[in-house]
Amino acid sequence: MINKKNGIRFSLLVLVLLIFSCKKDISKECKQLKNGTFLWKHNKIVVSVDRKDSIQIERKIGTNYYNKLSVHWIDDCHYELRILSSNFIAPDSIKKIRNNDILTTEILDVTNDYYIYECTSKISDISIKDTMWIKK
């Protein structure tokens, strides 16, 4: 009986190790997103996002609307955004974001063409999970 118990424990240990080893480490890919130009698309709205280290400028294509945000990188896949200036008319879903709000963003997955992120507000009840396209 002892051998059977040890065999079951060993099998469970191997299974747990396999599950945890399958999680993709995307920190290397996240580092490549600290600088660059990206596109956010929603229905017919396209926003160009230019990010350089600690500054992010968002421009709604075809208009003069913009957001200028500070970017504070917590680690390779997490950063915080604060609105510095804006004349952007936001959709109702994100109008609650105030100028003194902090948006915490986590990069969840990275491919050659896009990355998936989740953004939450520190003072509003906003949580957005979406795709940002990498402009090449």
N, C-alpha and C. Protein backbone atom coordinates (compact mmCIF):
# COMPACT_ATOMS: atom_id res chain seq x y z
N MET A 1 0.80 -1.21 0.00
CA MET A 1 0.00 0.00 0.00
C MET A 1 0.85 1.27 0.00
N ILE A 2 1.97 1.25 0.68
CA ILE A 2 2.81 2.44 0.75
C ILE A 2 3.30 2.82 -0.64
N ASN A 3 3.69 1.86 -1.45
CA ASN A 3 4.16 2.15 -2.80
C ASN A 3 3.07 2.77 -3.66
N LYS A 4 1.83 2.29 -3.49
CA LYS A 4 0.71 2.83 -4.26
C LYS A 4 0.47 4.30 -3.87
N LYS A 5 0.51 4.60 -2.56
CA LYS A 5 0.32 5.98 -2.09
C LYS A 5 1.43 6.89 -2.63
N ASN A 6 2.66 6.39 -2.57
CA ASN A 6 3.78 7.19 -3.09
C ASN A 6 3.64 7.42 -4.59
N GLY A 7 3.15 6.41 -5.29
CA GLY A 7 2.93 6.54 -6.73
C GLY A 7 1.87 7.59 -7.05
N ILE A 8 0.81 7.60 -6.25
CA ILE A 8 -0.26 8.60 -6.45
C ILE A 8 0.27 9.99 -6.13
N ARG A 9 1.00 10.12 -5.04
CA ARG A 9 1.57 11.43 -4.68
C ARG A 9 2.52 11.93 -5.76
N PHE A 10 3.35 11.03 -6.27
CA PHE A 10 4.29 11.41 -7.33
C PHE A 10 3.52 11.85 -8.58
N SER A 11 2.47 11.12 -8.93
CA SER A 11 1.66 11.48 -10.11
C SER A 11 1.02 12.85 -9.94
N LEU A 12 0.49 13.11 -8.74
CA LEU A 12 -0.11 14.42 -8.47
C LEU A 12 0.92 15.53 -8.54
N LEU A 13 2.10 15.28 -8.00
CA LEU A 13 3.17 16.27 -8.04
C LEU A 13 3.57 16.59 -9.48
N VAL A 14 3.72 15.55 -10.30
CA VAL A 14 4.06 15.75 -11.71
C VAL A 14 2.96 16.54 -12.41
N LEU A 15 1.70 16.22 -12.13
CA LEU A 15 0.57 16.93 -12.75
C LEU A 15 0.58 18.41 -12.37
N VAL A 16 0.79 18.71 -11.10
CA VAL A 16 0.84 20.10 -10.64
C VAL A 16 2.00 20.84 -11.30
N LEU A 17 3.16 20.21 -11.36
CA LEU A 17 4.32 20.84 -12.00
C LEU A 17 4.07 21.10 -13.48
N LEU A 18 3.42 20.18 -14.16
CA LEU A 18 3.09 20.38 -15.57
C LEU A 18 2.15 21.56 -15.77
N ILE A 19 1.15 21.66 -14.91
CA ILE A 19 0.18 22.76 -15.02
C ILE A 19 0.88 24.10 -14.84
N PHE A 20 1.72 24.22 -13.81
CA PHE A 20 2.38 25.50 -13.56
C PHE A 20 3.48 25.81 -14.57
N SER A 21 4.10 24.80 -15.13
CA SER A 21 5.15 25.05 -16.11
C SER A 21 4.59 25.45 -17.46
N CYS A 22 3.30 25.21 -17.69
CA CYS A 22 2.68 25.55 -18.97
C CYS A 22 2.30 27.02 -19.06
N LYS A 23 2.27 27.72 -17.93
CA LYS A 23 1.93 29.14 -17.96
C LYS A 23 3.03 29.91 -18.68
N LYS A 24 2.63 30.67 -19.66
CA LYS A 24 3.57 31.40 -20.51
C LYS A 24 4.14 32.61 -19.76
N ASP A 25 5.45 32.75 -19.75
CA ASP A 25 6.09 33.93 -19.18
C ASP A 25 6.23 34.96 -20.29
N ILE A 26 5.46 36.04 -20.17
CA ILE A 26 5.43 37.03 -21.25
C ILE A 26 6.22 38.29 -20.92
N SER A 27 6.99 38.27 -19.83
CA SER A 27 7.69 39.50 -19.42
C SER A 27 8.65 40.00 -20.49
N LYS A 28 9.29 39.10 -21.22
CA LYS A 28 10.21 39.53 -22.29
C LYS A 28 9.44 40.26 -23.39
N GLU A 29 8.27 39.71 -23.76
CA GLU A 29 7.45 40.35 -24.79
C GLU A 29 6.88 41.68 -24.29
N CYS A 30 6.53 41.74 -23.00
CA CYS A 30 5.99 42.98 -22.44
C CYS A 30 7.00 44.12 -22.53
N LYS A 31 8.28 43.82 -22.32
CA LYS A 31 9.32 44.85 -22.37
C LYS A 31 9.32 45.58 -23.71
N GLN A 32 8.98 44.85 -24.77
CA GLN A 32 8.98 45.44 -26.11
C GLN A 32 7.82 46.42 -26.31
N LEU A 33 6.88 46.46 -25.37
CA LEU A 33 5.71 47.33 -25.51
C LEU A 33 5.87 48.66 -24.76
N LYS A 34 7.02 48.88 -24.14
CA LYS A 34 7.24 50.13 -23.41
C LYS A 34 7.39 51.31 -24.35
N ASN A 35 7.79 51.05 -25.58
CA ASN A 35 7.92 52.09 -26.60
C ASN A 35 7.29 51.56 -27.88
N GLY A 36 6.58 52.44 -28.58
CA GLY A 36 6.02 52.01 -29.86
C GLY A 36 4.72 52.70 -30.18
N THR A 37 4.18 52.34 -31.33
CA THR A 37 2.90 52.87 -31.78
C THR A 37 1.93 51.71 -31.88
N PHE A 38 0.74 51.94 -31.33
CA PHE A 38 -0.28 50.90 -31.24
C PHE A 38 -1.61 51.47 -31.73
N LEU A 39 -2.53 50.60 -32.05
CA LEU A 39 -3.87 51.03 -32.48
C LEU A 39 -4.91 50.35 -31.61
N TRP A 40 -5.85 51.15 -31.12
CA TRP A 40 -6.99 50.63 -30.38
C TRP A 40 -8.21 50.85 -31.27
N LYS A 41 -8.98 49.80 -31.50
CA LYS A 41 -10.12 49.88 -32.40
C LYS A 41 -11.38 49.48 -31.65
N HIS A 42 -12.44 50.30 -31.83
CA HIS A 42 -13.74 50.00 -31.23
C HIS A 42 -14.81 50.47 -32.20
N ASN A 43 -15.57 49.54 -32.73
CA ASN A 43 -16.55 49.84 -33.78
C ASN A 43 -15.83 50.57 -34.92
N LYS A 44 -16.22 51.82 -35.20
CA LYS A 44 -15.56 52.57 -36.28
C LYS A 44 -14.53 53.56 -35.74
N ILE A 45 -14.31 53.53 -34.44
CA ILE A 45 -13.34 54.43 -33.81
C ILE A 45 -11.97 53.77 -33.81
N VAL A 46 -10.96 54.52 -34.26
CA VAL A 46 -9.57 54.05 -34.22
C VAL A 46 -8.74 55.11 -33.50
N VAL A 47 -8.00 54.67 -32.50
CA VAL A 47 -7.15 55.56 -31.72
C VAL A 47 -5.71 55.11 -31.89
N SER A 48 -4.85 56.04 -32.29
CA SER A 48 -3.42 55.78 -32.38
C SER A 48 -2.79 56.07 -31.02
N VAL A 49 -2.02 55.13 -30.52
CA VAL A 49 -1.39 55.26 -29.20
C VAL A 49 0.12 55.26 -29.41
N ASP A 50 0.76 56.39 -29.10
CA ASP A 50 2.22 56.50 -29.19
C ASP A 50 2.77 56.50 -27.77
N ARG A 51 3.57 55.50 -27.44
CA ARG A 51 4.12 55.36 -26.10
C ARG A 51 5.63 55.41 -26.16
N LYS A 52 6.20 56.27 -25.32
CA LYS A 52 7.66 56.33 -25.18
C LYS A 52 7.97 56.41 -23.69
N ASP A 53 8.39 55.28 -23.15
CA ASP A 53 8.75 55.15 -21.74
C ASP A 53 7.66 55.68 -20.82
N SER A 54 7.76 56.94 -20.40
CA SER A 54 6.86 57.46 -19.37
C SER A 54 5.75 58.37 -19.90
N ILE A 55 5.62 58.50 -21.21
CA ILE A 55 4.56 59.34 -21.79
C ILE A 55 3.80 58.53 -22.85
N GLN A 56 2.49 58.68 -22.81
CA GLN A 56 1.64 58.04 -23.82
C GLN A 56 0.70 59.10 -24.39
N ILE A 57 0.66 59.21 -25.71
CA ILE A 57 -0.23 60.15 -26.40
C ILE A 57 -1.22 59.32 -27.21
N GLU A 58 -2.50 59.57 -26.98
CA GLU A 58 -3.56 58.87 -27.71
C GLU A 58 -4.26 59.88 -28.60
N ARG A 59 -4.37 59.56 -29.89
CA ARG A 59 -5.03 60.46 -30.85
C ARG A 59 -6.13 59.69 -31.57
N LYS A 60 -7.32 60.26 -31.55
CA LYS A 60 -8.43 59.66 -32.29
C LYS A 60 -8.23 60.00 -33.76
N ILE A 61 -8.08 58.96 -34.60
CA ILE A 61 -7.81 59.14 -36.03
C ILE A 61 -8.94 59.93 -36.69
N GLY A 62 -8.56 60.91 -37.50
CA GLY A 62 -9.54 61.71 -38.24
C GLY A 62 -10.11 62.88 -37.46
N THR A 63 -9.60 63.11 -36.25
CA THR A 63 -10.08 64.23 -35.43
C THR A 63 -8.88 64.91 -34.78
N ASN A 64 -9.17 65.95 -34.01
CA ASN A 64 -8.12 66.62 -33.22
C ASN A 64 -8.12 66.17 -31.77
N TYR A 65 -8.91 65.14 -31.44
CA TYR A 65 -9.02 64.69 -30.06
C TYR A 65 -7.76 63.93 -29.63
N TYR A 66 -7.35 64.18 -28.39
CA TYR A 66 -6.14 63.52 -27.88
C TYR A 66 -6.23 63.34 -26.36
N ASN A 67 -5.45 62.43 -25.85
CA ASN A 67 -5.17 62.26 -24.42
C ASN A 67 -3.66 62.22 -24.28
N LYS A 68 -3.14 62.92 -23.30
CA LYS A 68 -1.73 62.81 -22.95
C LYS A 68 -1.69 62.23 -21.54
N LEU A 69 -0.98 61.11 -21.40
CA LEU A 69 -0.95 60.40 -20.13
C LEU A 69 0.48 60.14 -19.69
N SER A 70 0.69 60.11 -18.38
CA SER A 70 1.97 59.65 -17.86
C SER A 70 1.88 58.15 -17.67
N VAL A 71 3.00 57.48 -17.91
CA VAL A 71 3.07 56.02 -17.76
C VAL A 71 4.10 55.71 -16.68
N HIS A 72 3.65 54.99 -15.67
CA HIS A 72 4.56 54.53 -14.61
C HIS A 72 4.59 53.01 -14.67
N TRP A 73 5.74 52.46 -15.06
CA TRP A 73 5.89 51.01 -15.18
C TRP A 73 6.15 50.41 -13.80
N ILE A 74 5.27 49.53 -13.36
CA ILE A 74 5.41 48.84 -12.08
C ILE A 74 6.38 47.66 -12.25
N ASP A 75 6.18 46.92 -13.32
CA ASP A 75 7.11 45.87 -13.73
C ASP A 75 6.94 45.73 -15.25
N ASP A 76 7.50 44.70 -15.83
CA ASP A 76 7.48 44.60 -17.30
C ASP A 76 6.09 44.47 -17.90
N CYS A 77 5.13 43.93 -17.15
CA CYS A 77 3.79 43.69 -17.70
C CYS A 77 2.69 44.47 -16.99
N HIS A 78 3.04 45.37 -16.08
CA HIS A 78 2.06 46.18 -15.36
C HIS A 78 2.49 47.65 -15.38
N TYR A 79 1.53 48.52 -15.67
CA TYR A 79 1.83 49.95 -15.62
C TYR A 79 0.60 50.73 -15.21
N GLU A 80 0.84 51.96 -14.76
CA GLU A 80 -0.23 52.86 -14.36
C GLU A 80 -0.26 54.06 -15.29
N LEU A 81 -1.47 54.49 -15.63
CA LEU A 81 -1.67 55.66 -16.49
C LEU A 81 -2.38 56.75 -15.70
N ARG A 82 -1.92 57.98 -15.87
CA ARG A 82 -2.59 59.16 -15.30
C ARG A 82 -2.78 60.17 -16.42
N ILE A 83 -3.97 60.71 -16.51
CA ILE A 83 -4.26 61.70 -17.55
C ILE A 83 -3.58 63.02 -17.18
N LEU A 84 -2.74 63.52 -18.10
CA LEU A 84 -2.08 64.81 -17.91
C LEU A 84 -2.89 65.92 -18.56
N SER A 85 -3.38 65.67 -19.77
CA SER A 85 -4.24 66.63 -20.47
C SER A 85 -5.07 65.87 -21.49
N SER A 86 -6.23 66.46 -21.83
CA SER A 86 -7.12 65.76 -22.75
C SER A 86 -8.18 66.71 -23.30
N ASN A 87 -8.55 66.48 -24.54
CA ASN A 87 -9.74 67.12 -25.10
C ASN A 87 -10.62 66.04 -25.73
N PHE A 88 -10.39 64.81 -25.33
CA PHE A 88 -11.03 63.63 -25.90
C PHE A 88 -12.46 63.51 -25.39
N ILE A 89 -13.38 63.27 -26.29
CA ILE A 89 -14.76 62.98 -25.91
C ILE A 89 -14.87 61.46 -25.83
N ALA A 90 -15.00 60.96 -24.62
CA ALA A 90 -14.96 59.51 -24.39
C ALA A 90 -16.34 58.89 -24.54
N PRO A 91 -16.36 57.60 -24.91
CA PRO A 91 -17.63 56.87 -24.89
C PRO A 91 -18.18 56.84 -23.47
N ASP A 92 -19.50 56.66 -23.34
CA ASP A 92 -20.13 56.64 -22.02
C ASP A 92 -19.48 55.66 -21.06
N SER A 93 -19.00 54.54 -21.58
CA SER A 93 -18.43 53.50 -20.72
C SER A 93 -17.18 53.96 -19.98
N ILE A 94 -16.47 54.97 -20.51
CA ILE A 94 -15.25 55.42 -19.82
C ILE A 94 -15.27 56.90 -19.45
N LYS A 95 -16.46 57.54 -19.53
CA LYS A 95 -16.55 58.95 -19.14
C LYS A 95 -16.30 59.15 -17.65
N LYS A 96 -16.45 58.08 -16.87
CA LYS A 96 -16.28 58.19 -15.42
C LYS A 96 -14.83 58.45 -15.02
N ILE A 97 -13.91 58.21 -15.93
CA ILE A 97 -12.49 58.42 -15.61
C ILE A 97 -12.24 59.91 -15.42
N ARG A 98 -11.69 60.25 -14.29
CA ARG A 98 -11.41 61.64 -13.98
C ARG A 98 -9.94 61.93 -14.19
N ASN A 99 -9.61 63.21 -14.27
CA ASN A 99 -8.21 63.59 -14.48
C ASN A 99 -7.29 63.14 -13.36
N ASN A 100 -7.82 62.95 -12.16
CA ASN A 100 -6.96 62.51 -11.06
C ASN A 100 -7.00 61.00 -10.85
N ASP A 101 -7.62 60.29 -11.77
CA ASP A 101 -7.74 58.84 -11.66
C ASP A 101 -6.43 58.16 -12.07
N ILE A 102 -6.21 56.99 -11.56
CA ILE A 102 -5.07 56.16 -11.95
C ILE A 102 -5.63 54.90 -12.58
N LEU A 103 -5.20 54.63 -13.80
CA LEU A 103 -5.63 53.43 -14.50
C LEU A 103 -4.51 52.41 -14.43
N THR A 104 -4.77 51.29 -13.79
CA THR A 104 -3.79 50.23 -13.67
C THR A 104 -4.00 49.24 -14.80
N THR A 105 -2.95 48.98 -15.56
CA THR A 105 -3.04 48.12 -16.73
C THR A 105 -2.14 46.91 -16.57
N GLU A 106 -2.70 45.75 -16.89
CA GLU A 106 -1.94 44.51 -16.90
C GLU A 106 -1.96 43.95 -18.32
N ILE A 107 -0.80 43.65 -18.85
CA ILE A 107 -0.69 43.01 -20.16
C ILE A 107 -0.84 41.51 -19.92
N LEU A 108 -1.87 40.93 -20.53
CA LEU A 108 -2.21 39.53 -20.29
C LEU A 108 -1.58 38.57 -21.29
N ASP A 109 -1.48 39.00 -22.54
CA ASP A 109 -0.92 38.14 -23.58
C ASP A 109 -0.34 39.01 -24.68
N VAL A 110 0.69 38.51 -25.34
CA VAL A 110 1.36 39.26 -26.40
C VAL A 110 1.55 38.32 -27.59
N THR A 111 1.20 38.82 -28.79
CA THR A 111 1.49 38.10 -30.03
C THR A 111 2.32 39.03 -30.91
N ASN A 112 2.61 38.61 -32.11
CA ASN A 112 3.35 39.47 -33.05
C ASN A 112 2.52 40.65 -33.52
N ASP A 113 1.19 40.53 -33.50
CA ASP A 113 0.31 41.56 -34.06
C ASP A 113 -0.43 42.40 -33.03
N TYR A 114 -0.61 41.89 -31.83
CA TYR A 114 -1.42 42.60 -30.83
C TYR A 114 -1.06 42.12 -29.43
N TYR A 115 -1.58 42.88 -28.45
CA TYR A 115 -1.52 42.38 -27.08
C TYR A 115 -2.87 42.58 -26.43
N ILE A 116 -3.16 41.72 -25.48
CA ILE A 116 -4.42 41.79 -24.74
C ILE A 116 -4.09 42.36 -23.37
N TYR A 117 -4.91 43.30 -22.94
CA TYR A 117 -4.66 43.97 -21.67
C TYR A 117 -5.96 44.08 -20.88
N GLU A 118 -5.80 44.31 -19.59
CA GLU A 118 -6.93 44.62 -18.73
C GLU A 118 -6.58 45.88 -17.97
N CYS A 119 -7.49 46.83 -18.00
CA CYS A 119 -7.26 48.14 -17.40
C CYS A 119 -8.36 48.39 -16.36
N THR A 120 -7.97 48.76 -15.16
CA THR A 120 -8.93 49.06 -14.11
C THR A 120 -8.63 50.42 -13.50
N SER A 121 -9.68 51.05 -13.01
CA SER A 121 -9.57 52.36 -12.39
C SER A 121 -9.42 52.21 -10.89
N LYS A 122 -8.65 53.11 -10.29
CA LYS A 122 -8.50 53.09 -8.84
C LYS A 122 -9.68 53.76 -8.13
N ILE A 123 -10.37 54.71 -8.80
CA ILE A 123 -11.46 55.40 -8.11
C ILE A 123 -12.81 55.24 -8.80
N SER A 124 -12.85 54.70 -9.98
CA SER A 124 -14.12 54.45 -10.66
C SER A 124 -14.32 52.94 -10.75
N ASP A 125 -15.52 52.55 -11.09
CA ASP A 125 -15.81 51.11 -11.19
C ASP A 125 -15.59 50.60 -12.61
N ILE A 126 -14.56 51.09 -13.26
CA ILE A 126 -14.28 50.73 -14.65
C ILE A 126 -13.27 49.60 -14.71
N SER A 127 -13.58 48.62 -15.54
CA SER A 127 -12.65 47.54 -15.85
C SER A 127 -12.82 47.21 -17.32
N ILE A 128 -11.74 47.34 -18.08
CA ILE A 128 -11.78 47.13 -19.52
C ILE A 128 -10.78 46.05 -19.88
N LYS A 129 -11.24 45.05 -20.60
CA LYS A 129 -10.34 44.03 -21.15
C LYS A 129 -10.47 44.14 -22.66
N ASP A 130 -9.35 44.38 -23.34
CA ASP A 130 -9.43 44.67 -24.77
C ASP A 130 -8.12 44.30 -25.46
N THR A 131 -8.08 44.60 -26.74
CA THR A 131 -6.93 44.30 -27.59
C THR A 131 -6.30 45.59 -28.09
N MET A 132 -4.99 45.67 -28.04
CA MET A 132 -4.24 46.79 -28.61
C MET A 132 -3.39 46.21 -29.74
N TRP A 133 -3.57 46.76 -30.93
CA TRP A 133 -2.86 46.27 -32.11
C TRP A 133 -1.50 46.95 -32.22
N ILE A 134 -0.48 46.19 -32.55
CA ILE A 134 0.88 46.70 -32.68
C ILE A 134 1.07 47.21 -34.10
N LYS A 135 1.36 48.50 -34.23
CA LYS A 135 1.57 49.10 -35.55
C LYS A 135 3.00 48.82 -35.98
N LYS A 136 3.14 48.30 -37.18
CA LYS A 136 4.48 47.93 -37.67
C LYS A 136 4.91 48.82 -38.79
